[in-house]
Amino acid sequence: MKVQLYVPPGGYFAERWSKGSSMPPLGLLSIGAVLEKEGIEIEIVPADILKLSWREIEKKIGTDKPDLVGVTSTTENRFQSFKLVKLAKNAWPEAVTVMGGPHASMAAEDTLRHIDELDVIVRGEGEETVLDLCRALERRREIDGISHVAGISYRRESRVIHNRPRSPIINLDGLPFPAFHLVPFEKYNFKIEVPGHGLLPAVNIMTSRGCPFNCNFCATPVNWGRAVRVRSPQNVIREIELLMEKYDARVIFFYDDTFNVSLKRVEDICNLIMERRLPIFWRAEIRLDLMTKPLLAKMKQAGLFHVSFGLEAGSERIRNSVIDKKIKISDFHHVISWCKELEIIPNVFFIFSHPTETWEEAQETIRIIERYKNEVEASVAILHIYPGTPLERTAKEIGALPEDFSWTERHSSKIVTLPTAQGDVPLFLDRLSWSQISELLFRWSFSGGRISIRRKIPRLIANIRSGRDIQRYAVMAMVYLKLQVKKLFRRRV
């Protein structure tokens, strides 16, 4: 078997990777490590980092003639993933085209029904599934020969077949470390700024999979499972030491959904970092109500300098009854004060336009942002709809998504997106008007939010697709000017 796994040319469309730094694709690198260990010829092609054009990708596939072409997908970059699959099948029709990643996993039926050039979707964790798929294709080239492979979906004639789900990988320590050597690591220019030390070389690692919580907008519990599986502290430290030795890593970005899901494990990791005197800094994402001050202090001592967590909304009703976050505002205030005392940077996630959220409730959120503008980094978004989530069901119930909506349909006049912000992901709009949402976003930007209006204007213009888009951007412009005038007037007074 000759396998090629691709990241599409546009990468992952996240705003944080728009300034010349990016993060290696852990999912593909982990699959690549497993295939390589089993003797399968594997090439990972990060078209975004290699700056490959569509024509160059087509030529490469046509020349190399791989047996399997795999493409990773997120909802943000799904259209590029679809395009790459179509291009691959056109360039080398004999290739089995495969799509994996969060979007394909959550929208398998929809994707296979509408993308004729796609042969197989890998749902959820890909390491064991892709290996089994390769072995099945080695034995028998026809699609019928994969009917026993757990965790895949495929098309047989006009029918979409979903094989049984694959059981989660329980022993994560048994997986080889992600194969960073299969990509041009230096081209990622992955650096993170550490206060007092400047930009330092960074590497991302994941030490757990799954999430036991149930936020209505999040696909993680469905995609990774609700049962959390963790790597042992010793295994985590071995990977950190390897990354420091081979890639000169000085900063570790723990990419877990909830790094502190096991307080004892975090404490053990910190103890090992300090015992071995590893000269690293690190950042992680935590859950507020699981954190304690003594553990946060130990994390700081072991190199933590930046911690992220979601509050999502200031309103208790929205936070706990609508989102199902189950977080107390007192936990938020405590962690912020601990971070200030310990000199840790807190990055807080906020979202506007939740189901049934009123203007008064949204004001509770923006007041928290403005209150803490000098003490936290606030990351703000309009609520996005992702496939397979409880929010997607709600969106169809209230008409925010049409009942016949397809994730493969581009530029639908029935949905609202802001592609310049984070790809073509539908926004959830309910009670708040567009002018109210615009005001909230701009008030956040005036409180230190990272919106570069001037830098976004050319991209906004390039992505105008309808008269409704022009109307929305005109409303945003009017709200922005109104707030600027108010701001100027207050200064003069």
Protein backbone atom coordinates (compact mmCIF):
# COMPACT_ATOMS: atom_id res chain seq x y z
CA MET A 1 0.00 0.00 0.00
CA LYS A 2 1.08 3.51 -0.82
CA VAL A 3 -0.82 6.03 1.31
CA GLN A 4 -0.89 9.82 1.05
CA LEU A 5 -2.64 11.90 3.74
CA TYR A 6 -3.38 15.55 2.99
CA VAL A 7 -4.10 18.80 4.80
CA PRO A 8 -5.87 21.03 2.23
CA PRO A 9 -4.10 24.18 0.94
CA GLY A 10 -6.11 26.52 3.16
CA GLY A 11 -5.12 24.72 6.36
CA TYR A 12 -7.57 24.96 9.24
CA PHE A 13 -8.86 28.53 8.76
CA ALA A 14 -8.36 29.50 12.41
CA GLU A 15 -7.60 33.19 12.88
CA ARG A 16 -4.67 32.45 15.20
CA TRP A 17 -2.79 30.77 12.34
CA SER A 18 -3.13 33.72 9.95
CA LYS A 19 0.14 35.43 10.93
CA GLY A 20 2.82 33.04 9.69
CA SER A 21 2.79 30.42 12.44
CA SER A 22 0.94 27.13 12.41
CA MET A 23 0.56 23.91 14.37
CA PRO A 24 1.37 20.42 13.02
CA PRO A 25 -1.69 18.15 12.42
CA LEU A 26 -1.63 15.73 15.36
CA GLY A 27 -4.36 13.48 13.96
CA LEU A 28 -2.58 12.78 10.69
CA LEU A 29 0.79 12.48 12.43
CA SER A 30 -0.57 9.88 14.83
CA ILE A 31 -2.13 7.87 12.00
CA GLY A 32 1.11 8.21 10.06
CA ALA A 33 3.12 6.88 13.01
CA VAL A 34 0.92 3.77 13.25
CA LEU A 35 1.06 3.04 9.51
CA GLU A 36 4.83 3.57 9.42
CA LYS A 37 5.30 1.21 12.36
CA GLU A 38 3.31 -1.45 10.50
CA GLY A 39 5.44 -1.13 7.36
CA ILE A 40 2.94 0.75 5.19
CA GLU A 41 4.40 3.35 2.84
CA ILE A 42 3.04 6.64 4.16
CA GLU A 43 3.47 10.24 3.06
CA ILE A 44 1.86 13.16 4.85
CA VAL A 45 1.33 16.18 2.61
CA PRO A 46 0.53 19.42 4.47
CA ALA A 47 -0.42 21.39 1.37
CA ASP A 48 -0.93 24.52 3.46
CA ILE A 49 2.61 24.54 4.83
CA LEU A 50 4.19 23.42 1.56
CA LYS A 51 2.16 26.13 -0.21
CA LEU A 52 1.05 23.69 -2.89
CA SER A 53 -1.40 24.93 -5.50
CA TRP A 54 -4.35 22.82 -6.59
CA ARG A 55 -2.58 22.12 -9.89
CA GLU A 56 0.55 20.96 -8.06
CA ILE A 57 -1.51 18.64 -5.85
CA GLU A 58 -3.26 17.17 -8.88
CA LYS A 59 0.06 16.61 -10.63
CA LYS A 60 1.57 14.97 -7.54
CA ILE A 61 -1.30 12.52 -7.12
CA GLY A 62 -1.33 11.71 -10.82
CA THR A 63 2.44 11.09 -10.81
CA ASP A 64 2.71 9.20 -7.50
CA LYS A 65 -0.41 7.07 -8.08
CA PRO A 66 -1.10 6.33 -4.38
CA ASP A 67 -3.41 3.46 -3.49
CA LEU A 68 -5.17 5.56 -0.87
CA VAL A 69 -5.57 9.33 -0.69
CA GLY A 70 -6.78 10.56 2.71
CA VAL A 71 -7.93 14.09 3.49
CA THR A 72 -8.53 15.59 6.92
CA SER A 73 -11.55 17.83 7.40
CA THR A 74 -12.95 20.34 9.82
CA THR A 75 -16.25 22.12 9.32
CA GLU A 76 -14.27 25.30 8.69
CA ASN A 77 -12.22 23.83 5.83
CA ARG A 78 -14.71 21.25 4.55
CA PHE A 79 -15.11 22.77 1.10
CA GLN A 80 -11.38 22.58 0.49
CA SER A 81 -11.41 18.98 1.71
CA PHE A 82 -14.23 18.17 -0.72
CA LYS A 83 -12.31 19.84 -3.55
CA LEU A 84 -9.17 17.84 -2.78
CA VAL A 85 -11.11 14.55 -2.81
CA LYS A 86 -12.62 15.41 -6.20
CA LEU A 87 -9.25 16.46 -7.56
CA ALA A 88 -7.61 13.24 -6.32
CA LYS A 89 -10.20 11.02 -7.97
CA ASN A 90 -9.84 12.95 -11.20
CA ALA A 91 -6.03 12.78 -11.10
CA TRP A 92 -5.86 9.05 -10.27
CA PRO A 93 -9.22 7.26 -10.49
CA GLU A 94 -7.72 4.02 -9.10
CA ALA A 95 -7.06 5.64 -5.71
CA VAL A 96 -9.41 4.92 -2.83
CA THR A 97 -10.40 8.35 -1.53
CA VAL A 98 -10.87 8.64 2.22
CA MET A 99 -11.94 11.54 4.43
CA GLY A 100 -11.53 11.77 8.19
CA GLY A 101 -11.45 14.40 10.88
CA PRO A 102 -14.18 16.07 12.93
CA HIS A 103 -16.45 17.18 10.10
CA ALA A 104 -16.46 13.93 8.14
CA SER A 105 -16.97 11.96 11.34
CA MET A 106 -20.00 14.01 12.35
CA ALA A 107 -21.56 14.36 8.88
CA ALA A 108 -20.72 11.03 7.28
CA GLU A 109 -24.14 10.35 5.74
CA ASP A 110 -24.50 13.85 4.32
CA THR A 111 -20.97 13.92 2.91
CA LEU A 112 -21.13 10.55 1.18
CA ARG A 113 -24.55 11.30 -0.31
CA HIS A 114 -23.29 14.47 -1.97
CA ILE A 115 -19.59 13.93 -2.77
CA ASP A 116 -19.59 11.22 -5.43
CA GLU A 117 -15.80 11.10 -5.67
CA LEU A 118 -15.47 10.14 -2.00
CA ASP A 119 -15.20 6.40 -1.33
CA VAL A 120 -14.81 6.05 2.45
CA ILE A 121 -15.22 8.10 5.62
CA VAL A 122 -13.28 7.25 8.78
CA ARG A 123 -15.39 8.11 11.81
CA GLY A 124 -13.72 9.17 15.06
CA GLU A 125 -10.23 7.99 16.00
CA GLY A 126 -8.30 7.08 12.88
CA GLU A 127 -5.23 5.11 13.92
CA GLU A 128 -6.65 1.58 14.12
CA THR A 129 -9.38 2.20 11.55
CA VAL A 130 -7.04 3.43 8.80
CA LEU A 131 -4.66 0.56 9.48
CA ASP A 132 -7.48 -1.99 9.21
CA LEU A 133 -8.74 -0.27 6.06
CA CYS A 134 -5.29 -0.49 4.46
CA ARG A 135 -4.98 -4.18 5.35
CA ALA A 136 -8.44 -4.89 3.89
CA LEU A 137 -7.59 -3.05 0.66
CA GLU A 138 -4.29 -4.92 0.40
CA ARG A 139 -6.17 -8.22 0.49
CA ARG A 140 -8.98 -7.19 -1.81
CA ARG A 141 -9.11 -3.97 -3.79
CA GLU A 142 -12.90 -3.74 -4.13
CA ILE A 143 -14.98 -1.64 -1.75
CA ASP A 144 -16.96 -4.79 -0.90
CA GLY A 145 -13.83 -6.06 0.83
CA ILE A 146 -14.08 -3.47 3.59
CA SER A 147 -17.48 -4.47 4.95
CA HIS A 148 -15.90 -5.83 8.15
CA VAL A 149 -13.80 -2.72 9.00
CA ALA A 150 -15.24 -1.06 12.11
CA GLY A 151 -15.52 2.72 12.24
CA ILE A 152 -16.02 3.48 8.55
CA SER A 153 -18.85 4.60 6.31
CA TYR A 154 -18.92 4.09 2.54
CA ARG A 155 -21.22 3.95 -0.43
CA ARG A 156 -22.40 0.70 -1.98
CA GLU A 157 -24.20 1.52 -5.22
CA SER A 158 -26.58 4.30 -4.16
CA ARG A 159 -26.76 3.33 -0.49
CA VAL A 160 -24.59 4.70 2.35
CA ILE A 161 -23.33 1.92 4.60
CA HIS A 162 -22.25 2.66 8.18
CA ASN A 163 -20.17 -0.15 9.63
CA ARG A 164 -20.35 -0.70 13.37
CA PRO A 165 -18.61 1.95 15.51
CA ARG A 166 -15.05 1.21 16.55
CA SER A 167 -14.41 0.89 20.26
CA PRO A 168 -12.34 3.76 21.67
CA ILE A 169 -8.60 3.19 22.04
CA ILE A 170 -8.27 2.59 25.78
CA ASN A 171 -4.49 2.24 26.07
CA LEU A 172 -3.25 5.52 24.58
CA ASP A 173 0.24 4.71 25.88
CA GLY A 174 0.29 1.87 23.35
CA LEU A 175 0.22 4.30 20.41
CA PRO A 176 3.52 5.49 18.95
CA PHE A 177 4.23 9.19 19.37
CA PRO A 178 3.00 11.35 16.46
CA ALA A 179 5.42 11.17 13.52
CA PHE A 180 6.60 14.78 13.34
CA HIS A 181 9.44 13.63 11.08
CA LEU A 182 6.90 12.98 8.30
CA VAL A 183 6.30 16.72 7.85
CA PRO A 184 8.72 19.63 7.32
CA PHE A 185 8.50 20.64 10.97
CA GLU A 186 10.62 23.79 10.62
CA LYS A 187 8.21 25.23 8.05
CA TYR A 188 5.44 25.45 10.64
CA ASN A 189 7.39 28.17 12.43
CA PHE A 190 5.38 27.21 15.50
CA LYS A 191 6.35 29.70 18.18
CA ILE A 192 4.56 30.97 21.26
CA GLU A 193 5.38 34.14 23.16
CA VAL A 194 6.25 33.63 26.82
CA PRO A 195 6.29 36.79 28.96
CA GLY A 196 9.85 37.79 29.74
CA HIS A 197 11.30 35.27 27.28
CA GLY A 198 9.92 36.31 23.89
CA LEU A 199 8.91 33.95 21.10
CA LEU A 200 10.05 30.40 21.80
CA PRO A 201 9.84 27.22 19.66
CA ALA A 202 6.68 25.28 20.52
CA VAL A 203 5.20 21.84 19.96
CA ASN A 204 1.63 20.61 20.46
CA ILE A 205 0.80 17.33 22.18
CA MET A 206 -2.42 15.64 23.25
CA THR A 207 -2.44 13.62 26.47
CA SER A 208 -6.11 12.61 26.71
CA ARG A 209 -9.16 11.97 24.55
CA GLY A 210 -12.84 12.36 25.29
CA CYS A 211 -14.96 14.74 27.34
CA PRO A 212 -17.44 13.80 30.11
CA PHE A 213 -19.31 17.11 29.85
CA ASN A 214 -22.17 18.00 27.56
CA CYS A 215 -22.05 21.57 26.20
CA ASN A 216 -24.76 21.88 23.56
CA PHE A 217 -22.50 23.37 20.87
CA CYS A 218 -19.55 20.97 21.23
CA ALA A 219 -18.86 17.93 19.05
CA THR A 220 -16.10 16.50 21.25
CA PRO A 221 -18.28 14.11 23.32
CA VAL A 222 -19.75 12.70 20.11
CA ASN A 223 -16.50 12.60 18.14
CA TRP A 224 -14.10 11.39 20.88
CA GLY A 225 -16.60 9.84 23.27
CA ARG A 226 -17.74 10.79 26.75
CA ALA A 227 -15.38 8.35 28.48
CA VAL A 228 -12.08 10.15 29.01
CA ARG A 229 -8.97 8.13 28.24
CA VAL A 230 -5.64 9.45 29.46
CA ARG A 231 -1.98 8.82 28.84
CA SER A 232 0.17 8.06 31.86
CA PRO A 233 2.33 10.87 33.26
CA GLN A 234 5.48 8.85 32.45
CA ASN A 235 4.41 8.47 28.81
CA VAL A 236 3.66 12.20 28.55
CA ILE A 237 7.06 13.14 29.97
CA ARG A 238 8.86 10.78 27.58
CA GLU A 239 7.25 12.56 24.64
CA ILE A 240 8.10 15.99 26.04
CA GLU A 241 11.75 14.97 26.47
CA LEU A 242 11.83 13.62 22.91
CA LEU A 243 10.34 16.82 21.51
CA MET A 244 12.83 18.92 23.44
CA GLU A 245 15.72 16.83 22.13
CA LYS A 246 14.66 16.49 18.47
CA TYR A 247 12.80 19.76 17.86
CA ASP A 248 14.29 22.12 20.43
CA ALA A 249 10.86 22.58 22.03
CA ARG A 250 10.76 25.21 24.75
CA VAL A 251 6.97 25.55 24.95
CA ILE A 252 4.46 22.71 25.13
CA PHE A 253 0.89 23.38 23.99
CA PHE A 254 -1.23 20.72 25.70
CA TYR A 255 -4.06 20.31 23.19
CA ASP A 256 -6.42 18.35 25.44
CA ASP A 257 -10.06 19.46 25.66
CA THR A 258 -9.85 19.34 29.47
CA PHE A 259 -6.29 18.96 30.70
CA ASN A 260 -7.31 18.88 34.37
CA VAL A 261 -9.98 16.19 34.05
CA SER A 262 -7.83 14.16 36.48
CA LEU A 263 -6.26 16.40 39.13
CA LYS A 264 -3.98 13.58 40.36
CA ARG A 265 -2.57 13.02 36.88
CA VAL A 266 -1.87 16.74 36.39
CA GLU A 267 -0.11 16.81 39.75
CA ASP A 268 1.99 13.78 38.76
CA ILE A 269 2.95 15.37 35.43
CA CYS A 270 3.99 18.55 37.24
CA ASN A 271 6.03 16.57 39.77
CA LEU A 272 7.87 14.74 36.98
CA ILE A 273 8.62 17.98 35.13
CA MET A 274 10.13 19.43 38.30
CA GLU A 275 11.96 16.24 39.33
CA ARG A 276 13.63 16.05 35.92
CA ARG A 277 14.19 19.82 35.87
CA LEU A 278 12.82 20.14 32.37
CA PRO A 279 13.34 23.74 31.20
CA ILE A 280 9.97 24.17 29.52
CA PHE A 281 7.01 26.49 29.61
CA TRP A 282 3.53 25.25 28.84
CA ARG A 283 -0.11 26.16 28.34
CA ALA A 284 -3.28 24.14 28.66
CA GLU A 285 -7.07 24.28 28.59
CA ILE A 286 -8.88 23.51 31.85
CA ARG A 287 -12.36 23.30 33.32
CA LEU A 288 -13.03 25.96 35.95
CA ASP A 289 -14.90 23.98 38.56
CA LEU A 290 -12.25 21.24 38.68
CA MET A 291 -9.38 23.61 39.47
CA THR A 292 -7.94 24.23 42.91
CA LYS A 293 -5.55 26.96 43.94
CA PRO A 294 -2.83 24.55 45.26
CA LEU A 295 -2.85 22.63 41.97
CA LEU A 296 -2.71 25.83 39.92
CA ALA A 297 0.26 26.96 42.01
CA LYS A 298 2.03 23.65 41.34
CA MET A 299 1.28 23.97 37.62
CA LYS A 300 2.84 27.42 37.65
CA GLN A 301 5.89 26.06 39.44
CA ALA A 302 6.21 23.38 36.75
CA GLY A 303 6.16 25.90 33.89
CA LEU A 304 2.51 26.85 33.25
CA PHE A 305 2.24 30.44 32.02
CA HIS A 306 -1.06 30.51 30.10
CA VAL A 307 -4.36 28.77 30.87
CA SER A 308 -7.58 28.75 28.84
CA PHE A 309 -11.11 27.97 29.94
CA GLY A 310 -14.67 28.53 28.83
CA LEU A 311 -17.19 30.62 30.72
CA GLU A 312 -19.19 31.10 27.50
CA ALA A 313 -21.89 33.36 29.00
CA GLY A 314 -22.38 35.73 31.90
CA SER A 315 -26.00 34.71 32.40
CA GLU A 316 -26.45 31.77 34.77
CA ARG A 317 -29.58 30.69 32.92
CA ILE A 318 -27.80 30.58 29.59
CA ARG A 319 -24.66 29.00 30.99
CA ASN A 320 -26.30 26.20 32.92
CA SER A 321 -29.80 25.63 31.53
CA VAL A 322 -29.22 26.36 27.83
CA ILE A 323 -25.57 25.42 27.22
CA ASP A 324 -25.57 22.79 29.97
CA LYS A 325 -22.15 24.09 31.09
CA LYS A 326 -22.88 23.72 34.82
CA ILE A 327 -20.30 26.32 35.88
CA LYS A 328 -20.72 28.77 38.77
CA ILE A 329 -19.67 32.37 38.26
CA SER A 330 -17.86 32.18 41.63
CA ASP A 331 -15.52 29.53 40.16
CA PHE A 332 -14.66 31.97 37.38
CA HIS A 333 -13.89 34.83 39.77
CA HIS A 334 -11.75 32.55 41.96
CA VAL A 335 -9.62 31.25 39.08
CA ILE A 336 -9.11 34.76 37.70
CA SER A 337 -7.89 35.99 41.09
CA TRP A 338 -5.58 32.96 41.46
CA CYS A 339 -4.14 33.58 38.00
CA LYS A 340 -3.49 37.22 38.87
CA GLU A 341 -1.77 36.25 42.12
CA LEU A 342 0.34 33.54 40.44
CA GLU A 343 1.12 35.64 37.33
CA ILE A 344 -0.55 33.22 34.93
CA ILE A 345 -2.26 34.57 31.80
CA PRO A 346 -5.97 33.58 31.78
CA ASN A 347 -7.62 33.23 28.39
CA VAL A 348 -11.43 33.07 28.66
CA PHE A 349 -13.81 31.86 25.95
CA PHE A 350 -17.07 33.79 25.52
CA ILE A 351 -19.86 33.21 23.00
CA PHE A 352 -22.75 35.44 21.93
CA SER A 353 -26.16 34.49 20.46
CA HIS A 354 -27.07 31.36 22.38
CA PRO A 355 -30.55 29.85 21.99
CA THR A 356 -33.14 32.14 23.64
CA GLU A 357 -30.40 34.55 24.82
CA THR A 358 -31.84 38.03 25.27
CA TRP A 359 -30.13 41.40 24.93
CA GLU A 360 -30.19 41.79 28.71
CA GLU A 361 -28.48 38.41 29.18
CA ALA A 362 -25.87 39.19 26.53
CA GLN A 363 -25.13 42.40 28.44
CA GLU A 364 -24.11 40.26 31.43
CA THR A 365 -21.42 38.68 29.27
CA ILE A 366 -20.05 41.91 27.81
CA ARG A 367 -19.98 43.53 31.27
CA ILE A 368 -17.73 40.69 32.53
CA ILE A 369 -15.44 41.19 29.52
CA GLU A 370 -15.25 44.92 30.13
CA ARG A 371 -14.74 44.45 33.87
CA TYR A 372 -11.77 42.15 33.37
CA LYS A 373 -10.35 43.77 30.23
CA ASN A 374 -6.98 44.44 31.89
CA GLU A 375 -6.73 41.05 33.59
CA VAL A 376 -7.70 38.44 31.00
CA GLU A 377 -7.41 37.60 27.33
CA ALA A 378 -10.98 37.32 26.10
CA SER A 379 -11.65 35.12 23.08
CA VAL A 380 -15.10 35.88 21.66
CA ALA A 381 -17.20 34.25 18.95
CA ILE A 382 -20.72 34.26 17.61
CA LEU A 383 -22.18 30.82 18.27
CA HIS A 384 -21.30 28.40 15.45
CA ILE A 385 -23.35 25.36 14.47
CA TYR A 386 -21.46 22.09 14.01
CA PRO A 387 -22.86 18.82 12.65
CA GLY A 388 -23.94 16.14 15.08
CA THR A 389 -24.28 18.46 18.05
CA PRO A 390 -27.41 19.15 20.13
CA LEU A 391 -27.21 22.71 18.79
CA GLU A 392 -27.64 21.47 15.22
CA ARG A 393 -30.94 19.86 16.22
CA THR A 394 -32.05 23.08 17.92
CA ALA A 395 -31.07 25.11 14.84
CA LYS A 396 -33.28 22.97 12.62
CA GLU A 397 -36.16 23.14 15.08
CA ILE A 398 -36.20 26.96 15.08
CA GLY A 399 -35.32 27.39 11.40
CA ALA A 400 -31.75 28.68 11.83
CA LEU A 401 -30.86 25.75 9.56
CA PRO A 402 -33.32 24.45 6.95
CA GLU A 403 -34.54 20.89 7.52
CA ASP A 404 -33.05 19.89 4.16
CA PHE A 405 -29.72 21.63 4.84
CA SER A 406 -26.62 19.90 3.51
CA TRP A 407 -23.13 20.64 4.79
CA THR A 408 -21.92 20.19 1.23
CA GLU A 409 -24.06 23.07 -0.06
CA ARG A 410 -22.08 26.25 -0.53
CA HIS A 411 -23.32 29.82 -0.22
CA SER A 412 -26.84 29.00 0.88
CA SER A 413 -28.99 32.12 1.07
CA LYS A 414 -30.83 30.57 4.02
CA ILE A 415 -27.90 30.62 6.44
CA VAL A 416 -25.50 33.25 7.77
CA THR A 417 -21.74 32.78 7.85
CA LEU A 418 -18.72 35.03 8.40
CA PRO A 419 -16.06 33.18 6.37
CA THR A 420 -13.40 35.81 7.04
CA ALA A 421 -13.60 35.05 10.76
CA GLN A 422 -13.53 31.26 10.82
CA GLY A 423 -14.46 29.55 7.60
CA ASP A 424 -17.89 28.79 6.22
CA VAL A 425 -19.57 27.65 9.45
CA PRO A 426 -23.25 28.57 9.94
CA LEU A 427 -23.95 31.03 12.72
CA PHE A 428 -26.72 30.43 15.24
CA LEU A 429 -28.99 33.46 15.26
CA ASP A 430 -32.04 33.53 17.51
CA ARG A 431 -33.18 36.45 19.69
CA LEU A 432 -30.36 38.96 19.16
CA SER A 433 -30.47 41.27 16.14
CA TRP A 434 -27.48 41.63 13.85
CA SER A 435 -26.86 45.18 15.08
CA GLN A 436 -26.87 43.94 18.70
CA ILE A 437 -24.38 41.17 17.88
CA SER A 438 -22.21 43.71 16.04
CA GLU A 439 -22.26 46.03 19.04
CA LEU A 440 -21.19 43.20 21.35
CA LEU A 441 -18.28 42.26 19.08
CA PHE A 442 -17.05 45.82 18.75
CA ARG A 443 -17.36 46.51 22.48
CA TRP A 444 -15.21 43.43 22.99
CA SER A 445 -12.66 44.77 20.51
CA PHE A 446 -12.57 48.10 22.36
CA SER A 447 -11.84 46.12 25.54
CA GLY A 448 -8.69 44.62 24.08
CA GLY A 449 -10.21 42.00 21.76
CA ARG A 450 -8.15 40.86 18.83
CA ILE A 451 -10.13 42.26 15.89
CA SER A 452 -8.00 43.94 13.24
CA ILE A 453 -10.67 45.83 11.29
CA ARG A 454 -8.28 47.26 8.71
CA ARG A 455 -6.68 43.88 8.00
CA LYS A 456 -10.08 42.19 7.57
CA ILE A 457 -11.63 44.67 5.11
CA PRO A 458 -10.08 43.18 1.91
CA ARG A 459 -11.14 39.67 2.98
CA LEU A 460 -14.64 40.89 3.85
CA ILE A 461 -15.05 42.39 0.38
CA ALA A 462 -13.68 39.26 -1.30
CA ASN A 463 -16.22 37.09 0.53
CA ILE A 464 -19.33 39.12 -0.26
CA ARG A 465 -21.72 36.68 -1.95
CA SER A 466 -25.13 38.29 -1.85
CA GLY A 467 -27.11 41.42 -1.17
CA ARG A 468 -27.77 40.12 2.33
CA ASP A 469 -24.02 40.00 2.98
CA ILE A 470 -23.75 43.64 1.90
CA GLN A 471 -26.62 44.55 4.24
CA ARG A 472 -24.99 42.76 7.19
CA TYR A 473 -21.61 44.40 6.62
CA ALA A 474 -23.33 47.78 6.23
CA VAL A 475 -25.05 47.27 9.60
CA MET A 476 -21.71 46.37 11.16
CA ALA A 477 -20.10 49.48 9.67
CA MET A 478 -22.87 51.72 11.03
CA VAL A 479 -22.64 50.19 14.50
CA TYR A 480 -18.85 50.55 14.48
CA LEU A 481 -19.03 54.22 13.50
CA LYS A 482 -21.72 54.89 16.12
CA LEU A 483 -19.60 53.34 18.87
CA GLN A 484 -16.52 55.23 17.71
CA VAL A 485 -18.41 58.52 17.88
CA LYS A 486 -19.62 57.68 21.41
CA LYS A 487 -16.09 56.79 22.41
CA LEU A 488 -14.71 60.05 21.02
CA PHE A 489 -17.46 62.04 22.74
CA ARG A 490 -16.72 60.42 26.13
CA ARG A 491 -13.03 61.28 25.79
CA ARG A 492 -13.82 64.92 25.14
CA VAL A 493 -16.22 65.09 28.07
